[in-house]
C-alpha atoms as a PDB file:
ATOM      1  CA  MET A   1      23.288 -24.068  -6.333  1.00  0.00           C
ATOM      2  CA  ILE A   2      20.179 -23.272  -8.129  1.00  0.00           C
ATOM      3  CA  TYR A   3      17.496 -25.611  -7.290  1.00  0.00           C
ATOM      4  CA  LEU A   4      14.633 -25.797 -10.458  1.00  0.00           C
ATOM      5  CA  LYS A   5      11.150 -26.720  -9.527  1.00  0.00           C
ATOM      6  CA  THR A   6       8.849 -29.231 -11.621  1.00  0.00           C
ATOM      7  CA  ASP A   7       5.511 -27.651 -11.995  1.00  0.00           C
ATOM      8  CA  GLU A   8       4.264 -29.827  -9.086  1.00  0.00           C
ATOM      9  CA  GLU A   9       6.306 -27.770  -6.998  1.00  0.00           C
ATOM     10  CA  ILE A  10       5.655 -24.621  -7.837  1.00  0.00           C
ATOM     11  CA  GLU A  11       2.191 -25.672  -7.750  1.00  0.00           C
ATOM     12  CA  LEU A  12       2.612 -26.164  -3.747  1.00  0.00           C
ATOM     13  CA  LEU A  13       4.829 -23.017  -3.304  1.00  0.00           C
ATOM     14  CA  ARG A  14       1.959 -21.273  -5.048  1.00  0.00           C
ATOM     15  CA  GLU A  15       0.104 -22.598  -2.094  1.00  0.00           C
ATOM     16  CA  ASN A  16       2.106 -21.372   0.145  1.00  0.00           C
ATOM     17  CA  ASN A  17       2.217 -17.933  -1.540  1.00  0.00           C
ATOM     18  CA  ILE A  18      -1.354 -17.524  -1.266  1.00  0.00           C
ATOM     19  CA  LEU A  19      -1.721 -18.532   2.300  1.00  0.00           C
ATOM     20  CA  VAL A  20       0.821 -15.887   2.917  1.00  0.00           C
ATOM     21  CA  SER A  21      -1.242 -13.180   1.127  1.00  0.00           C
ATOM     22  CA  ARG A  22      -4.461 -14.467   2.922  1.00  0.00           C
ATOM     23  CA  THR A  23      -2.115 -13.620   6.022  1.00  0.00           C
ATOM     24  CA  LEU A  24      -1.229 -10.606   4.899  1.00  0.00           C
ATOM     25  CA  ALA A  25      -4.736  -9.529   4.422  1.00  0.00           C
ATOM     26  CA  GLU A  26      -5.659 -10.396   7.433  1.00  0.00           C
ATOM     27  CA  VAL A  27      -3.171  -8.322   9.379  1.00  0.00           C
ATOM     28  CA  GLY A  28      -3.489  -5.443   6.745  1.00  0.00           C
ATOM     29  CA  ARG A  29      -7.247  -5.957   8.409  1.00  0.00           C
ATOM     30  CA  ARG A  30      -6.176  -4.967  11.888  1.00  0.00           C
ATOM     31  CA  ILE A  31      -3.725  -2.464  11.156  1.00  0.00           C
ATOM     32  CA  ALA A  32      -5.003   0.611  12.740  1.00  0.00           C
ATOM     33  CA  PRO A  33      -3.723   3.664  15.297  1.00  0.00           C
ATOM     34  CA  GLY A  34      -3.319   1.850  18.733  1.00  0.00           C
ATOM     35  CA  VAL A  35      -2.572  -1.974  17.603  1.00  0.00           C
ATOM     36  CA  THR A  36       0.193  -2.934  18.886  1.00  0.00           C
ATOM     37  CA  THR A  37       2.903  -5.191  16.445  1.00  0.00           C
ATOM     38  CA  LYS A  38       2.972  -7.871  18.748  1.00  0.00           C
ATOM     39  CA  GLN A  39      -0.902  -7.802  18.713  1.00  0.00           C
ATOM     40  CA  LEU A  40      -0.776  -8.516  14.746  1.00  0.00           C
ATOM     41  CA  ASP A  41       2.169 -10.859  14.858  1.00  0.00           C
ATOM     42  CA  THR A  42      -0.460 -13.290  17.277  1.00  0.00           C
ATOM     43  CA  LEU A  43      -3.060 -12.950  14.734  1.00  0.00           C
ATOM     44  CA  ALA A  44      -0.752 -13.794  12.175  1.00  0.00           C
ATOM     45  CA  GLU A  45       0.577 -16.881  13.993  1.00  0.00           C
ATOM     46  CA  GLU A  46      -2.928 -17.960  14.867  1.00  0.00           C
ATOM     47  CA  PHE A  47      -4.326 -17.806  10.874  1.00  0.00           C
ATOM     48  CA  ILE A  48      -1.414 -19.279   9.561  1.00  0.00           C
ATOM     49  CA  ARG A  49      -1.503 -22.661  12.171  1.00  0.00           C
ATOM     50  CA  SER A  50      -5.144 -22.550  11.641  1.00  0.00           C
ATOM     51  CA  HIS A  51      -4.750 -23.388   7.828  1.00  0.00           C
ATOM     52  CA  GLY A  52      -2.063 -26.529   8.734  1.00  0.00           C
ATOM     53  CA  ALA A  53       1.080 -24.503   8.141  1.00  0.00           C
ATOM     54  CA  VAL A  54       3.381 -23.484  10.497  1.00  0.00           C
ATOM     55  CA  PRO A  55       4.830 -19.655  10.526  1.00  0.00           C
ATOM     56  CA  ALA A  56       8.573 -20.167   8.368  1.00  0.00           C
ATOM     57  CA  PHE A  57      10.291 -17.140  10.363  1.00  0.00           C
ATOM     58  CA  LEU A  58       9.465 -18.383  13.776  1.00  0.00           C
ATOM     59  CA  GLY A  59      12.516 -19.841  15.140  1.00  0.00           C
ATOM     60  CA  TYR A  60      14.383 -19.293  11.696  1.00  0.00           C
ATOM     61  CA  MET A  61      17.961 -18.672  12.642  1.00  0.00           C
ATOM     62  CA  GLY A  62      16.421 -17.703  16.108  1.00  0.00           C
ATOM     63  CA  TYR A  63      14.355 -15.036  14.904  1.00  0.00           C
ATOM     64  CA  PRO A  64      11.907 -15.065  17.672  1.00  0.00           C
ATOM     65  CA  ALA A  65       8.330 -14.420  15.788  1.00  0.00           C
ATOM     66  CA  SER A  66       5.864 -15.152  12.764  1.00  0.00           C
ATOM     67  CA  LEU A  67       6.022 -11.654  11.358  1.00  0.00           C
ATOM     68  CA  CYS A  68       8.771  -9.188  10.548  1.00  0.00           C
ATOM     69  CA  ILE A  69       7.154  -5.683  11.008  1.00  0.00           C
ATOM     70  CA  SER A  70       9.053  -2.735  10.282  1.00  0.00           C
ATOM     71  CA  VAL A  71       7.479   0.972  11.216  1.00  0.00           C
ATOM     72  CA  ASN A  72       8.698   4.104   9.580  1.00  0.00           C
ATOM     73  CA  ASP A  73      12.555   4.126   9.121  1.00  0.00           C
ATOM     74  CA  ARG A  74      13.079   0.524  10.122  1.00  0.00           C
ATOM     75  CA  VAL A  75      13.607  -1.359   6.662  1.00  0.00           C
ATOM     76  CA  VAL A  76      13.157  -4.529   7.351  1.00  0.00           C
ATOM     77  CA  HIS A  77      13.195  -7.324  10.417  1.00  0.00           C
ATOM     78  CA  GLY A  78      11.476  -5.737  13.097  1.00  0.00           C
ATOM     79  CA  ILE A  79      10.880  -7.919  16.254  1.00  0.00           C
ATOM     80  CA  PRO A  80       6.812  -7.194  16.888  1.00  0.00           C
ATOM     81  CA  SER A  81       6.916  -6.037  20.634  1.00  0.00           C
ATOM     82  CA  ASP A  82       4.025  -4.758  23.206  1.00  0.00           C
ATOM     83  CA  LYS A  83       5.440  -1.541  23.104  1.00  0.00           C
ATOM     84  CA  CYS A  84       5.415  -0.883  18.960  1.00  0.00           C
ATOM     85  CA  VAL A  85       2.056   0.686  19.254  1.00  0.00           C
ATOM     86  CA  LEU A  86       1.135   2.010  15.621  1.00  0.00           C
ATOM     87  CA  LYS A  87       0.199   5.619  15.301  1.00  0.00           C
ATOM     88  CA  GLU A  88      -1.790   7.648  12.437  1.00  0.00           C
ATOM     89  CA  GLY A  89       0.745   8.239   9.569  1.00  0.00           C
ATOM     90  CA  ASP A  90       2.736   5.143  10.122  1.00  0.00           C
ATOM     91  CA  ILE A  91       3.968   2.947   6.966  1.00  0.00           C
ATOM     92  CA  VAL A  92       4.442  -0.461   8.310  1.00  0.00           C
ATOM     93  CA  SER A  93       6.233  -3.165   5.846  1.00  0.00           C
ATOM     94  CA  VAL A  94       5.129  -6.706   6.785  1.00  0.00           C
ATOM     95  CA  ASP A  95       7.048  -9.474   6.016  1.00  0.00           C
ATOM     96  CA  CYS A  96       5.539 -13.154   6.419  1.00  0.00           C
ATOM     97  CA  GLY A  97       6.472 -16.657   5.512  1.00  0.00           C
ATOM     98  CA  THR A  98       4.589 -19.988   6.090  1.00  0.00           C
ATOM     99  CA  PHE A  99       6.077 -23.573   5.653  1.00  0.00           C
ATOM    100  CA  LEU A 100       3.486 -26.219   4.027  1.00  0.00           C
ATOM    101  CA  LYS A 101       3.760 -29.397   2.708  1.00  0.00           C
ATOM    102  CA  GLY A 102       7.679 -29.267   2.486  1.00  0.00           C
ATOM    103  CA  PHE A 103       7.617 -25.766   1.045  1.00  0.00           C
ATOM    104  CA  VAL A 104       7.856 -22.088   1.765  1.00  0.00           C
ATOM    105  CA  GLY A 105       6.006 -18.780   1.263  1.00  0.00           C
ATOM    106  CA  ASP A 106       7.304 -15.514   1.832  1.00  0.00           C
ATOM    107  CA  SER A 107       5.954 -12.168   0.422  1.00  0.00           C
ATOM    108  CA  ALA A 108       5.807  -8.891   1.684  1.00  0.00           C
ATOM    109  CA  TYR A 109       3.630  -5.616   1.445  1.00  0.00           C
ATOM    110  CA  THR A 110       3.879  -1.649   3.040  1.00  0.00           C
ATOM    111  CA  PHE A 111       0.994  -0.682   4.920  1.00  0.00           C
ATOM    112  CA  ALA A 112      -0.774   2.565   5.591  1.00  0.00           C
ATOM    113  CA  VAL A 113      -1.542   3.231   9.092  1.00  0.00           C
ATOM    114  CA  GLY A 114      -4.963   5.513   8.130  1.00  0.00           C
ATOM    115  CA  GLU A 115      -3.941   8.718   6.391  1.00  0.00           C
ATOM    116  CA  VAL A 116      -0.280   9.070   5.746  1.00  0.00           C
ATOM    117  CA  SER A 117       1.909  11.905   3.795  1.00  0.00           C
ATOM    118  CA  ASP A 118       1.523  12.135   0.511  1.00  0.00           C
ATOM    119  CA  GLU A 119       5.685  11.720   0.366  1.00  0.00           C
ATOM    120  CA  ALA A 120       5.242   8.548   2.211  1.00  0.00           C
ATOM    121  CA  ARG A 121       2.163   7.553  -0.132  1.00  0.00           C
ATOM    122  CA  GLN A 122       4.776   8.311  -2.608  1.00  0.00           C
ATOM    123  CA  LEU A 123       7.504   6.454  -1.079  1.00  0.00           C
ATOM    124  CA  MET A 124       5.418   2.908  -0.911  1.00  0.00           C
ATOM    125  CA  GLU A 125       3.480   3.496  -4.573  1.00  0.00           C
ATOM    126  CA  VAL A 126       7.445   3.714  -6.238  1.00  0.00           C
ATOM    127  CA  THR A 127       8.924   0.899  -4.112  1.00  0.00           C
ATOM    128  CA  LYS A 128       5.440  -1.406  -5.349  1.00  0.00           C
ATOM    129  CA  GLU A 129       6.055  -0.219  -8.818  1.00  0.00           C
ATOM    130  CA  ALA A 130       9.861  -0.997  -8.736  1.00  0.00           C
ATOM    131  CA  LEU A 131       8.598  -4.276  -7.792  1.00  0.00           C
ATOM    132  CA  TYR A 132       6.478  -4.872 -10.714  1.00  0.00           C
ATOM    133  CA  LYS A 133       8.911  -3.536 -12.897  1.00  0.00           C
ATOM    134  CA  GLY A 134      11.634  -5.657 -11.430  1.00  0.00           C
ATOM    135  CA  THR A 135       9.441  -8.914 -11.789  1.00  0.00           C
ATOM    136  CA  ALA A 136       8.345  -8.056 -15.737  1.00  0.00           C
ATOM    137  CA  GLN A 137      11.977  -9.201 -16.325  1.00  0.00           C
ATOM    138  CA  ALA A 138      11.812 -12.318 -14.225  1.00  0.00           C
ATOM    139  CA  LYS A 139      12.009 -14.932 -17.524  1.00  0.00           C
ATOM    140  CA  ALA A 140      14.178 -17.574 -18.845  1.00  0.00           C
ATOM    141  CA  GLY A 141      16.678 -16.129 -21.151  1.00  0.00           C
ATOM    142  CA  ASN A 142      17.283 -13.083 -18.677  1.00  0.00           C
ATOM    143  CA  ARG A 143      19.814 -12.616 -16.131  1.00  0.00           C
ATOM    144  CA  VAL A 144      19.471 -11.845 -12.513  1.00  0.00           C
ATOM    145  CA  GLY A 145      20.693  -7.894 -13.089  1.00  0.00           C
ATOM    146  CA  ASP A 146      18.000  -7.077 -15.632  1.00  0.00           C
ATOM    147  CA  ILE A 147      15.441  -7.649 -12.723  1.00  0.00           C
ATOM    148  CA  SER A 148      18.300  -5.449 -10.329  1.00  0.00           C
ATOM    149  CA  ALA A 149      18.615  -2.445 -12.761  1.00  0.00           C
ATOM    150  CA  ALA A 150      14.978  -2.239 -13.348  1.00  0.00           C
ATOM    151  CA  VAL A 151      14.453  -1.992  -9.853  1.00  0.00           C
ATOM    152  CA  GLN A 152      17.017   0.569  -9.095  1.00  0.00           C
ATOM    153  CA  GLU A 153      16.889   2.668 -11.927  1.00  0.00           C
ATOM    154  CA  TYR A 154      13.049   2.943 -11.615  1.00  0.00           C
ATOM    155  CA  ALA A 155      13.952   3.698  -7.710  1.00  0.00           C
ATOM    156  CA  GLU A 156      16.306   6.373  -8.124  1.00  0.00           C
ATOM    157  CA  SER A 157      14.600   7.985 -10.852  1.00  0.00           C
ATOM    158  CA  PHE A 158      12.714   9.890  -8.018  1.00  0.00           C
ATOM    159  CA  GLY A 159      15.950  10.353  -5.831  1.00  0.00           C
ATOM    160  CA  TYR A 160      15.078   7.306  -3.762  1.00  0.00           C
ATOM    161  CA  GLY A 161      17.852   5.160  -2.105  1.00  0.00           C
ATOM    162  CA  VAL A 162      18.393   1.599  -2.882  1.00  0.00           C
ATOM    163  CA  VAL A 163      19.471  -0.779  -0.116  1.00  0.00           C
ATOM    164  CA  ARG A 164      22.587  -2.694  -0.669  1.00  0.00           C
ATOM    165  CA  GLU A 165      23.150  -4.538   2.011  1.00  0.00           C
ATOM    166  CA  LEU A 166      20.188  -6.446   2.055  1.00  0.00           C
ATOM    167  CA  GLU A 167      18.327  -8.585  -1.340  1.00  0.00           C
ATOM    168  CA  GLY A 168      15.834 -10.886  -2.715  1.00  0.00           C
ATOM    169  CA  HIS A 169      16.868 -14.652  -2.578  1.00  0.00           C
ATOM    170  CA  GLY A 170      15.969 -18.062  -4.138  1.00  0.00           C
ATOM    171  CA  CYS A 171      13.029 -19.727  -2.299  1.00  0.00           C
ATOM    172  CA  GLY A 172      11.332 -23.343  -2.543  1.00  0.00           C
ATOM    173  CA  ARG A 173      11.933 -26.092   0.503  1.00  0.00           C
ATOM    174  CA  LYS A 174      14.491 -23.634   2.005  1.00  0.00           C
ATOM    175  CA  MET A 175      13.862 -20.118   2.813  1.00  0.00           C
ATOM    176  CA  HIS A 176      16.663 -18.500   1.171  1.00  0.00           C
ATOM    177  CA  GLU A 177      17.925 -20.404  -1.958  1.00  0.00           C
ATOM    178  CA  ASP A 178      20.544 -19.177  -4.346  1.00  0.00           C
ATOM    179  CA  PRO A 179      20.744 -17.106  -6.491  1.00  0.00           C
ATOM    180  CA  GLY A 180      20.583 -13.749  -4.293  1.00  0.00           C
ATOM    181  CA  VAL A 181      18.536 -11.143  -6.713  1.00  0.00           C
ATOM    182  CA  PRO A 182      19.768  -7.659  -5.484  1.00  0.00           C
ATOM    183  CA  ASN A 183      17.947  -4.202  -5.923  1.00  0.00           C
ATOM    184  CA  TYR A 184      20.696  -2.809  -7.751  1.00  0.00           C
ATOM    185  CA  GLY A 185      22.970  -4.042 -10.960  1.00  0.00           C
ATOM    186  CA  ALA A 186      23.927  -4.043 -14.501  1.00  0.00           C
ATOM    187  CA  ARG A 187      21.423  -5.126 -17.256  1.00  0.00           C
ATOM    188  CA  GLY A 188      23.314  -8.609 -18.781  1.00  0.00           C
ATOM    189  CA  ARG A 189      25.100  -9.381 -15.307  1.00  0.00           C
ATOM    190  CA  GLY A 190      24.581 -12.173 -13.090  1.00  0.00           C
ATOM    191  CA  PRO A 191      23.070 -15.638 -13.302  1.00  0.00           C
ATOM    192  CA  LEU A 192      20.975 -16.720 -16.111  1.00  0.00           C
ATOM    193  CA  LEU A 193      17.582 -16.935 -15.261  1.00  0.00           C
ATOM    194  CA  LYS A 194      16.017 -20.690 -16.713  1.00  0.00           C
ATOM    195  CA  GLU A 195      12.717 -22.214 -16.307  1.00  0.00           C
ATOM    196  CA  GLY A 196      11.796 -23.489 -13.031  1.00  0.00           C
ATOM    197  CA  MET A 197      13.568 -21.175 -11.231  1.00  0.00           C
ATOM    198  CA  VAL A 198      11.531 -19.541  -7.935  1.00  0.00           C
ATOM    199  CA  ILE A 199      12.959 -16.463  -6.538  1.00  0.00           C
ATOM    200  CA  CYS A 200      11.543 -13.835  -4.092  1.00  0.00           C
ATOM    201  CA  ILE A 201      12.168  -9.676  -5.311  1.00  0.00           C
ATOM    202  CA  GLU A 202      11.754  -7.348  -2.899  1.00  0.00           C
ATOM    203  CA  PRO A 203      12.902  -3.795  -3.537  1.00  0.00           C
ATOM    204  CA  MET A 204      13.994  -2.057   0.025  1.00  0.00           C
ATOM    205  CA  ILE A 205      13.675   1.442  -1.011  1.00  0.00           C
ATOM    206  CA  THR A 206      14.474   4.613   1.551  1.00  0.00           C
ATOM    207  CA  MET A 207      13.164   8.036   1.062  1.00  0.00           C
ATOM    208  CA  GLY A 208      16.799   9.503   1.590  1.00  0.00           C
ATOM    209  CA  ASN A 209      20.378   7.830   2.184  1.00  0.00           C
ATOM    210  CA  LYS A 210      20.360   4.526   1.268  1.00  0.00           C
ATOM    211  CA  ALA A 211      22.856   4.190   4.420  1.00  0.00           C
ATOM    212  CA  VAL A 212      21.493   1.301   7.115  1.00  0.00           C
ATOM    213  CA  VAL A 213      22.373   0.705  10.422  1.00  0.00           C
ATOM    214  CA  PHE A 214      21.835  -2.878  12.007  1.00  0.00           C
ATOM    215  CA  GLU A 215      20.231  -2.395  15.239  1.00  0.00           C
ATOM    216  CA  ARG A 216      21.769  -4.527  18.410  1.00  0.00           C
ATOM    217  CA  ASP A 217      18.952  -6.809  18.526  1.00  0.00           C
ATOM    218  CA  GLY A 218      20.826  -8.653  15.896  1.00  0.00           C
ATOM    219  CA  TRP A 219      17.781  -8.315  13.263  1.00  0.00           C
ATOM    220  CA  THR A 220      16.409  -4.798  12.967  1.00  0.00           C
ATOM    221  CA  VAL A 221      17.730  -2.459  10.021  1.00  0.00           C
ATOM    222  CA  ARG A 222      16.782   0.804  10.173  1.00  0.00           C
ATOM    223  CA  THR A 223      17.825   3.840   7.997  1.00  0.00           C
ATOM    224  CA  ARG A 224      21.008   5.528   8.984  1.00  0.00           C
ATOM    225  CA  ASP A 225      19.044   9.158   8.497  1.00  0.00           C
ATOM    226  CA  GLY A 226      15.841   8.324   9.881  1.00  0.00           C
ATOM    227  CA  LYS A 227      13.830   8.855   6.793  1.00  0.00           C
ATOM    228  CA  PRO A 228      11.344   6.078   6.142  1.00  0.00           C
ATOM    229  CA  ALA A 229      11.589   3.059   4.152  1.00  0.00           C
ATOM    230  CA  ALA A 230       8.966   0.707   2.004  1.00  0.00           C
ATOM    231  CA  HIS A 231       9.700  -2.854   1.346  1.00  0.00           C
ATOM    232  CA  TYR A 232       7.272  -5.083  -1.218  1.00  0.00           C
ATOM    233  CA  GLU A 233       8.110  -8.446  -1.933  1.00  0.00           C
ATOM    234  CA  PHE A 234       6.824 -10.896  -4.481  1.00  0.00           C
ATOM    235  CA  ALA A 235       7.774 -14.813  -5.233  1.00  0.00           C
ATOM    236  CA  VAL A 236       8.074 -15.260  -9.006  1.00  0.00           C
ATOM    237  CA  ALA A 237       8.309 -18.602 -10.724  1.00  0.00           C
ATOM    238  CA  VAL A 238      10.690 -18.147 -14.291  1.00  0.00           C
ATOM    239  CA  ARG A 239       8.794 -19.308 -17.068  1.00  0.00           C
ATOM    240  CA  LYS A 240       9.446 -19.170 -20.881  1.00  0.00           C
ATOM    241  CA  GLY A 241       7.030 -16.597 -21.851  1.00  0.00           C
ATOM    242  CA  GLY A 242       7.099 -14.071 -18.230  1.00  0.00           C
ATOM    243  CA  PRO A 243       7.107 -14.315 -14.573  1.00  0.00           C
ATOM    244  CA  ASP A 244       4.576 -16.557 -13.024  1.00  0.00           C
ATOM    245  CA  VAL A 245       3.527 -14.800  -9.720  1.00  0.00           C
ATOM    246  CA  LEU A 246       2.795 -16.528  -6.897  1.00  0.00           C
ATOM    247  CA  THR A 247       1.903 -13.646  -4.723  1.00  0.00           C
ATOM    248  CA  ASP A 248      -1.505 -12.373  -5.110  1.00  0.00           C
ATOM    249  CA  TYR A 249      -1.635  -8.832  -3.835  1.00  0.00           C
ATOM    250  CA  SER A 250      -5.139  -8.424  -5.034  1.00  0.00           C
ATOM    251  CA  ILE A 251      -6.434 -10.227  -1.971  1.00  0.00           C
ATOM    252  CA  ILE A 252      -4.307  -8.280   0.159  1.00  0.00           C
ATOM    253  CA  GLU A 253      -5.688  -4.931  -1.903  1.00  0.00           C
ATOM    254  CA  GLU A 254      -9.449  -5.956  -1.413  1.00  0.00           C
ATOM    255  CA  ALA A 255      -9.120  -6.783   2.181  1.00  0.00           C
ATOM    256  CA  ILE A 256      -7.680  -3.076   2.981  1.00  0.00           C
ATOM    257  CA  LYS A 257      -9.755  -1.367   0.741  1.00  0.00           C
ATOM    258  CA  ASN A 258     -12.931  -2.594   2.484  1.00  0.00           C
ATOM    259  CA  GLU A 259     -11.850  -1.412   5.694  1.00  0.00           C
END
């Protein structure tokens, strides 16, 4: 069932997603060669709790951390570890969630560790632009397939793979609500977008083949061909006049620009 949110509820969702953006900014400031993903996870948990919220991922369906940190060929749901040490040239997807005042925030951003290859930089830029193109379709009267097709068409125009097994989702009092928001599909298909829907749009794009493998830890998803992947995610409220993006990437990008 799809739950439509009131304006007051959307503002609470915005508050959560701004906190997620601020958390990702704090993490982004610390991303550097030699840093472990566990160190980043600890930083995020402390930051979230210091602002009166709790990490929404921690304990969710048994997940053991506050962040999902996925490096290079890991697409999503990478578990932070003391053994995972970032190195120059890595790309790192960081997915973060908060729970505050009865609602959830959920957003992701892919960071470069130092100087990355031109190919990796392009993958990141295209994936983020695919997010923007999908988000532009999140207006009342459109359908989920309009978002999906916009993401797929842009990513595939660069020869990239679009992951099929994972998708975006509704978001509200629970982390995952209806409707599902795939990153591939046909325009004019899928659930009708209505004023008050809040959805997470999250392209997961691979440099090579779209095929993925689910690791034995029960969480980590990696590319089958070992090529890198990028992942960006917005929380978006559907409005009649167009999308109302609840995530604020400017906070993240200002933070990493100054590092």
